[in-house]
Protein backbone atom coordinates (compact mmCIF):
# COMPACT_ATOMS: atom_id res chain seq x y z
CA MET A 1 139.79 128.83 79.86
CA ARG A 2 138.52 132.36 80.37
CA THR A 3 134.95 131.31 79.55
CA TRP A 4 135.05 128.53 82.12
CA THR A 5 136.24 130.98 84.84
CA LEU A 6 133.45 133.41 84.05
CA ALA A 7 130.84 130.62 84.20
CA ALA A 8 132.18 129.27 87.50
CA ALA A 9 132.18 132.64 89.26
CA PRO A 10 128.37 132.85 89.80
CA ILE A 11 128.24 129.24 90.99
CA ALA A 12 131.07 129.88 93.44
CA ALA A 13 129.31 133.01 94.68
CA LEU A 14 126.12 131.04 95.35
CA LEU A 15 127.99 128.34 97.22
CA LEU A 16 129.96 130.80 99.32
CA SER A 17 126.89 132.88 100.14
CA GLY A 18 125.32 129.82 101.74
CA CYS A 19 128.41 129.34 103.83
CA ILE A 20 128.38 132.97 104.90
CA ALA A 21 124.66 132.82 105.68
CA ARG A 22 125.19 129.73 107.82
CA ALA A 23 128.03 131.40 109.69
CA ALA A 24 125.87 134.47 110.27
CA ALA A 25 123.06 132.28 111.60
CA ASP A 26 125.48 130.57 113.95
CA VAL A 27 126.70 133.92 115.25
CA VAL A 28 123.12 135.09 115.83
CA THR A 29 122.01 131.94 117.66
CA LEU A 30 125.17 131.62 119.77
CA PRO A 31 124.01 133.91 122.63
CA VAL A 32 120.72 132.01 122.89
CA LYS A 33 122.48 128.66 123.03
CA ALA A 34 124.98 129.94 125.58
CA GLY A 35 122.21 131.42 127.73
CA SER A 36 120.22 128.18 127.72
CA GLN A 37 123.36 126.25 128.68
CA VAL A 38 123.96 128.56 131.65
CA VAL A 39 120.36 128.09 132.78
CA ASP A 40 120.76 124.32 132.45
CA TRP A 41 123.94 124.39 134.55
CA SER A 42 122.42 126.64 137.23
CA THR A 43 119.17 124.75 137.75
CA THR A 44 118.56 121.30 139.16
CA SER A 45 116.41 118.87 137.22
CA GLN A 46 113.81 116.74 138.96
CA GLU A 47 115.93 113.65 138.36
CA GLU A 48 118.96 115.29 140.01
CA ALA A 49 116.82 116.46 142.93
CA ASP A 50 115.42 112.95 143.43
CA ARG A 51 118.89 111.41 143.25
CA ASN A 52 120.29 113.92 145.75
CA ARG A 53 117.34 113.40 148.11
CA GLY A 54 117.77 109.63 147.96
CA ARG A 55 121.47 109.97 148.72
CA GLU A 56 120.74 112.23 151.69
CA MET A 57 118.11 109.79 153.00
CA ARG A 58 120.59 106.88 152.82
CA LYS A 59 123.22 108.90 154.67
CA GLN A 60 120.68 109.82 157.36
CA GLU A 61 119.67 106.15 157.74
CA GLU A 62 123.34 105.22 158.16
CA ARG A 63 123.78 107.90 160.83
CA ASP A 64 120.63 106.68 162.63
CA ALA A 65 121.80 103.05 162.53
CA ARG A 66 125.22 104.04 163.90
CA ALA A 67 123.60 106.02 166.71
CA ALA A 68 121.24 103.11 167.53
CA ARG A 69 124.16 100.65 167.72
CA LYS A 70 126.09 103.05 169.94
CA GLN A 71 123.08 103.51 172.21
CA ALA A 72 122.47 99.74 172.46
CA LYS A 73 126.10 99.18 173.37
CA ALA A 74 125.91 101.87 176.06
CA ASP A 75 122.68 100.34 177.42
CA ARG A 76 124.26 96.86 177.65
CA GLN A 77 127.29 98.36 179.43
CA ARG A 78 125.04 100.18 181.95
CA CYS A 79 123.15 96.94 182.55
CA ARG A 80 126.39 95.05 183.22
CA ASP A 81 127.68 97.85 185.46
CA ALA A 82 124.48 97.64 187.49
CA GLY A 83 125.22 93.99 188.17
CA TYR A 84 122.56 92.30 186.07
CA ASP A 85 123.52 89.02 184.45
CA ASP A 86 120.92 88.87 181.65
CA CYS A 87 121.44 92.13 179.80
């Protein structure tokens, strides 16, 4: 039993050292990963910019259409108020 424990100790040390090395590598790369994530959150990709621009263009077109309908209605009312039959 004692011989088996002595033989397993170096193998266990090798296995655990890999685990410790991996943990150390994770700790070292964590600030870089966190920094790149912050940059990703704080910047706008081209796809997001295109999507936002398209959304804004659609909203502007809706506002323009609403204003045109309102203006046409006001023009028809002015025509009727002036006494014209074919407005």
